[in-house]
Protein backbone atom coordinates (compact mmCIF):
# COMPACT_ATOMS: atom_id res chain seq x y z
CA MET A 1 -95.97 -22.95 -19.29
CA ALA A 2 -93.28 -25.61 -18.95
CA GLN A 3 -94.31 -28.87 -17.30
CA ILE A 4 -91.95 -30.50 -14.80
CA SER A 5 -91.70 -34.26 -14.23
CA GLU A 6 -89.12 -36.32 -12.33
CA ILE A 7 -88.30 -39.15 -14.73
CA ALA A 8 -85.50 -40.67 -12.62
CA PRO A 9 -84.13 -39.81 -9.17
CA ASP A 10 -83.03 -36.13 -9.29
CA VAL A 11 -83.58 -35.97 -13.07
CA PHE A 12 -86.30 -33.50 -14.02
CA ARG A 13 -87.82 -33.22 -17.48
CA ILE A 14 -88.86 -29.63 -18.27
CA CYS A 15 -91.26 -29.77 -21.21
CA THR A 16 -92.83 -27.12 -23.42
CA TYR A 17 -95.32 -28.14 -26.10
CA PHE A 18 -95.77 -26.19 -29.34
CA PRO A 19 -99.20 -27.16 -30.71
CA GLU A 20 -98.60 -25.37 -34.01
CA ILE A 21 -95.89 -27.90 -34.87
CA ASP A 22 -97.16 -30.71 -32.61
CA LEU A 23 -93.80 -31.00 -30.87
CA GLN A 24 -92.42 -31.03 -27.35
CA PHE A 25 -89.06 -29.51 -26.42
CA ASN A 26 -87.49 -31.04 -23.32
CA GLN A 27 -84.67 -29.84 -21.12
CA PHE A 28 -83.31 -31.99 -18.29
CA LEU A 29 -82.11 -30.72 -14.93
CA VAL A 30 -80.03 -32.98 -12.69
CA ARG A 31 -80.26 -31.81 -9.09
CA ASP A 32 -76.97 -32.39 -7.28
CA GLU A 33 -74.19 -30.50 -5.49
CA GLN A 34 -73.15 -29.15 -8.89
CA PRO A 35 -76.43 -29.01 -10.85
CA LEU A 36 -76.36 -29.92 -14.53
CA LEU A 37 -78.72 -28.71 -17.26
CA PHE A 38 -78.87 -30.78 -20.45
CA HIS A 39 -80.24 -28.75 -23.38
CA THR A 40 -80.78 -25.02 -22.86
CA GLY A 41 -83.79 -24.75 -25.16
CA LEU A 42 -84.70 -22.20 -27.81
CA LYS A 43 -84.36 -18.49 -27.05
CA GLU A 44 -88.12 -18.05 -26.74
CA LEU A 45 -88.19 -20.74 -24.06
CA PHE A 46 -85.61 -19.17 -21.77
CA LEU A 47 -87.94 -17.39 -19.36
CA GLY A 48 -90.23 -20.40 -18.98
CA VAL A 49 -87.37 -22.83 -18.49
CA ARG A 50 -85.71 -20.47 -16.01
CA GLU A 51 -88.95 -20.32 -14.03
CA ALA A 52 -89.18 -24.11 -14.02
CA VAL A 53 -85.57 -24.51 -12.91
CA SER A 54 -86.15 -21.89 -10.19
CA SER A 55 -88.89 -24.06 -8.71
CA LEU A 56 -86.35 -26.87 -8.24
CA ILE A 57 -83.04 -25.14 -7.42
CA ASP A 58 -81.46 -21.70 -7.32
CA PRO A 59 -80.65 -21.31 -11.04
CA SER A 60 -77.53 -19.31 -10.25
CA THR A 61 -75.99 -22.51 -8.86
CA ILE A 62 -76.01 -24.39 -12.17
CA ARG A 63 -72.46 -25.62 -12.69
CA TRP A 64 -72.59 -27.65 -15.91
CA ILE A 65 -74.52 -27.18 -19.15
CA GLY A 66 -74.50 -30.09 -21.56
CA PHE A 67 -75.87 -30.61 -25.06
CA SER A 68 -75.37 -33.04 -27.90
CA HIS A 69 -74.46 -30.73 -30.76
CA VAL A 70 -74.72 -27.11 -31.87
CA GLU A 71 -78.36 -26.43 -32.74
CA ALA A 72 -80.83 -23.84 -31.45
CA ASP A 73 -82.89 -26.18 -29.27
CA GLU A 74 -79.70 -27.67 -27.83
CA CYS A 75 -77.75 -24.57 -26.81
CA ALA A 76 -79.26 -21.29 -28.08
CA THR A 77 -79.48 -19.76 -24.60
CA LEU A 78 -76.11 -20.93 -23.29
CA ARG A 79 -74.96 -17.31 -22.80
CA ASP A 80 -78.16 -16.44 -20.94
CA TRP A 81 -77.65 -19.31 -18.52
CA GLN A 82 -74.00 -18.42 -18.06
CA GLN A 83 -74.93 -14.83 -17.25
CA LEU A 84 -77.42 -16.11 -14.69
CA ALA A 85 -75.08 -18.77 -13.24
CA PRO A 86 -71.54 -17.32 -12.91
CA GLU A 87 -69.86 -20.74 -12.53
CA ALA A 88 -71.78 -22.51 -15.32
CA THR A 89 -69.49 -24.17 -17.84
CA ALA A 90 -70.48 -25.88 -21.06
CA VAL A 91 -69.42 -29.50 -21.50
CA CYS A 92 -69.24 -30.76 -25.07
CA SER A 93 -67.06 -32.50 -27.62
CA LEU A 94 -63.70 -31.02 -28.58
CA VAL A 95 -65.05 -30.54 -32.10
CA ALA A 96 -67.98 -28.47 -30.78
CA LYS A 97 -65.66 -26.36 -28.63
CA LEU A 98 -63.16 -25.66 -31.41
CA VAL A 99 -65.57 -25.22 -34.30
CA SER A 100 -68.46 -23.31 -32.71
CA VAL A 101 -69.01 -23.06 -28.97
CA ASP A 102 -66.08 -20.93 -27.82
CA ASP A 103 -66.30 -18.64 -30.85
CA PHE A 104 -69.92 -17.49 -30.88
CA ILE A 105 -72.06 -19.38 -28.38
CA ALA A 106 -70.46 -19.50 -24.94
CA LEU A 107 -69.72 -16.63 -22.59
CA ARG A 108 -66.59 -18.44 -21.38
CA PRO A 109 -64.56 -21.39 -22.64
CA ALA A 110 -66.25 -24.77 -22.74
CA ARG A 111 -64.78 -27.87 -21.13
CA PRO A 112 -64.09 -30.34 -23.93
CA LEU A 113 -64.63 -33.99 -23.12
CA ALA A 114 -62.88 -36.96 -24.70
CA ASP A 115 -64.79 -40.11 -25.55
CA GLY A 116 -65.31 -42.06 -22.32
CA GLU A 117 -64.17 -39.20 -20.06
CA THR A 118 -66.11 -38.80 -16.81
CA PHE A 119 -66.83 -35.97 -14.40
CA GLN A 120 -68.74 -35.75 -11.13
CA THR A 121 -71.47 -33.40 -10.00
CA GLY A 122 -71.53 -34.70 -6.42
CA LYS A 123 -73.17 -38.07 -5.97
CA TYR A 124 -73.57 -38.55 -9.72
CA THR A 125 -70.95 -39.39 -12.34
CA PHE A 126 -71.38 -38.53 -16.00
CA ARG A 127 -69.61 -40.23 -18.87
CA PHE A 128 -69.23 -38.51 -22.24
CA ILE A 129 -69.89 -40.64 -25.31
CA GLN A 130 -68.65 -39.23 -28.60
CA THR A 131 -71.25 -39.96 -31.27
CA PRO A 132 -70.45 -38.15 -34.54
CA HIS A 133 -73.59 -37.82 -36.69
CA VAL A 134 -75.72 -39.59 -34.03
CA PRO A 135 -78.32 -38.23 -33.76
CA HIS A 136 -76.85 -35.75 -36.22
CA CYS A 137 -73.97 -33.27 -36.71
CA TRP A 138 -70.21 -33.84 -36.75
CA ASP A 139 -69.76 -32.51 -33.20
CA ALA A 140 -72.36 -34.76 -31.55
CA GLY A 141 -71.90 -36.43 -28.19
CA LEU A 142 -74.13 -37.67 -25.36
CA LEU A 143 -73.97 -37.89 -21.57
CA PHE A 144 -74.61 -41.05 -19.56
CA GLU A 145 -75.22 -40.80 -15.82
CA GLU A 146 -73.66 -43.93 -14.36
CA LYS A 147 -75.41 -44.28 -10.98
CA GLN A 148 -79.04 -44.14 -12.11
CA LYS A 149 -78.08 -45.17 -15.67
CA THR A 150 -79.83 -42.35 -17.50
CA LEU A 151 -78.77 -41.71 -21.09
CA PHE A 152 -79.35 -38.15 -22.23
CA CYS A 153 -79.89 -38.95 -25.87
CA SER A 154 -80.96 -35.72 -27.58
CA ASP A 155 -82.92 -36.31 -30.82
CA ILE A 156 -82.62 -40.10 -30.70
CA LEU A 157 -86.17 -41.61 -30.68
CA HIS A 158 -87.79 -38.25 -31.44
CA GLN A 159 -91.59 -38.51 -31.15
CA ASN A 160 -94.06 -35.88 -32.30
CA GLY A 161 -97.15 -35.10 -30.24
CA ASN A 162 -98.13 -33.84 -26.80
CA LEU A 163 -97.07 -36.97 -24.97
CA GLU A 164 -96.76 -38.30 -21.44
CA PRO A 165 -93.52 -37.45 -19.58
CA LEU A 166 -92.41 -41.07 -19.22
CA THR A 167 -93.49 -44.22 -21.02
CA SER A 168 -92.63 -47.89 -21.37
CA SER A 169 -94.70 -48.27 -24.55
CA ASP A 170 -93.62 -48.34 -28.19
CA VAL A 171 -91.42 -45.28 -28.66
CA VAL A 172 -89.85 -46.86 -31.74
CA GLY A 173 -93.22 -46.96 -33.50
CA ARG A 174 -93.81 -43.33 -32.62
CA PHE A 175 -90.35 -42.43 -33.88
CA ARG A 176 -90.87 -44.29 -37.15
CA LYS A 177 -94.15 -42.45 -37.78
CA THR A 178 -92.47 -39.10 -37.09
CA LEU A 179 -89.63 -39.90 -39.45
CA MET A 180 -91.92 -41.06 -42.23
CA ASP A 181 -94.08 -37.94 -41.84
CA TYR A 182 -90.97 -35.76 -42.06
CA GLN A 183 -89.87 -37.54 -45.22
CA GLN A 184 -92.96 -36.19 -46.96
CA GLY A 185 -92.10 -32.51 -46.40
CA PRO A 186 -89.39 -29.88 -45.92
CA LEU A 187 -87.93 -31.67 -42.88
CA ALA A 188 -86.95 -34.73 -44.92
CA ASN A 189 -83.55 -36.32 -44.30
CA TYR A 190 -83.56 -35.08 -40.73
CA LEU A 191 -81.13 -37.71 -39.45
CA PRO A 192 -78.05 -39.12 -41.19
CA TYR A 193 -77.24 -42.78 -41.62
CA THR A 194 -73.51 -43.47 -41.96
CA THR A 195 -71.13 -46.43 -41.85
CA GLN A 196 -70.68 -45.70 -38.11
CA THR A 197 -74.35 -45.37 -37.13
CA GLN A 198 -74.97 -49.02 -36.22
CA SER A 199 -71.78 -49.37 -34.16
CA ILE A 200 -72.39 -46.13 -32.27
CA LEU A 201 -75.94 -47.14 -31.37
CA ALA A 202 -74.74 -50.61 -30.36
CA SER A 203 -72.23 -48.97 -28.00
CA LEU A 204 -75.03 -46.91 -26.46
CA ALA A 205 -77.18 -50.02 -26.01
CA ALA A 206 -74.25 -51.76 -24.34
CA LEU A 207 -74.41 -49.17 -21.54
CA GLN A 208 -77.72 -50.81 -20.54
CA PRO A 209 -79.43 -47.53 -19.64
CA LYS A 210 -82.49 -47.64 -17.40
CA THR A 211 -83.92 -44.37 -18.72
CA LEU A 212 -83.65 -42.64 -22.07
CA ALA A 213 -84.01 -38.87 -21.60
CA ILE A 214 -85.29 -37.86 -25.04
CA MET A 215 -85.46 -34.26 -26.23
CA HIS A 216 -88.70 -34.54 -28.23
CA GLY A 217 -91.50 -36.68 -26.81
CA SER A 218 -91.67 -39.06 -23.87
CA ALA A 219 -88.71 -40.31 -21.90
CA PHE A 220 -88.48 -44.09 -22.00
CA GLN A 221 -88.00 -46.82 -19.41
CA GLY A 222 -88.12 -50.44 -20.41
CA ASN A 223 -86.04 -52.51 -22.78
CA THR A 224 -83.76 -49.65 -23.80
CA GLN A 225 -81.29 -51.93 -25.55
CA GLN A 226 -84.00 -53.22 -27.85
CA ALA A 227 -85.33 -49.70 -28.43
CA LEU A 228 -81.90 -48.43 -29.48
CA SER A 229 -81.36 -51.45 -31.73
CA GLU A 230 -84.74 -50.98 -33.38
CA TYR A 231 -84.06 -47.26 -33.75
CA ALA A 232 -80.97 -48.18 -35.77
CA SER A 233 -83.07 -50.52 -37.91
CA VAL A 234 -85.59 -47.77 -38.66
CA LEU A 235 -82.81 -45.41 -39.74
CA GLU A 236 -81.47 -48.09 -42.07
CA GLU A 237 -84.95 -48.80 -43.42
CA VAL A 238 -85.71 -45.16 -44.17
CA TYR A 239 -82.33 -43.82 -45.25
CA ALA A 240 -80.28 -46.75 -46.57
CA ARG A 241 -82.67 -48.16 -49.15
């Protein structure tokens, strides 16, 4: 059963833990006049996530569905959500829309967002940040909610384990351990490190987020700028030797 936690005002973390792979999958619902769901989850999670969303809002009222990049845990059930919510529209990068989303993922055309473009859901304003290959994939982008300063950061600071919903402890250390463990097996080279990685992460840190809404593991509140800077250093350490 999915666990629900409010990690910031009107931001709900919906978490399902898979003990066989020691990994949490998190979706985030923003409750507002035009509700937004960030990450749809894997296909096998749809019923559980739908039940969790139903305990917070009428799921048919979801208006926006966001995700970082095209990957199963990011957007596999986009069509299911769009069938359930007749006004739900995907928001993503232009690359994602043109290359994948409109062709075989979405039920109706996605709304492409330019870098820095904003849209409102009611009392909240979201800014799209184009982040190619951060965390990974050409089409990647992230959403930043400007009022409560929540950064929906996908696989950035991924932590394995069945962890607390929200922490102010060392997420970078947890991330580094996860990455080093992955380097020893078939999931090696999980995240790219490019000539743009440091500058993209510096631009995210410059937003001064209060909360990092992380797909795998605990959300983080604390010195987010330092955490994002140290995340970049770990990527360089592991991948740019």
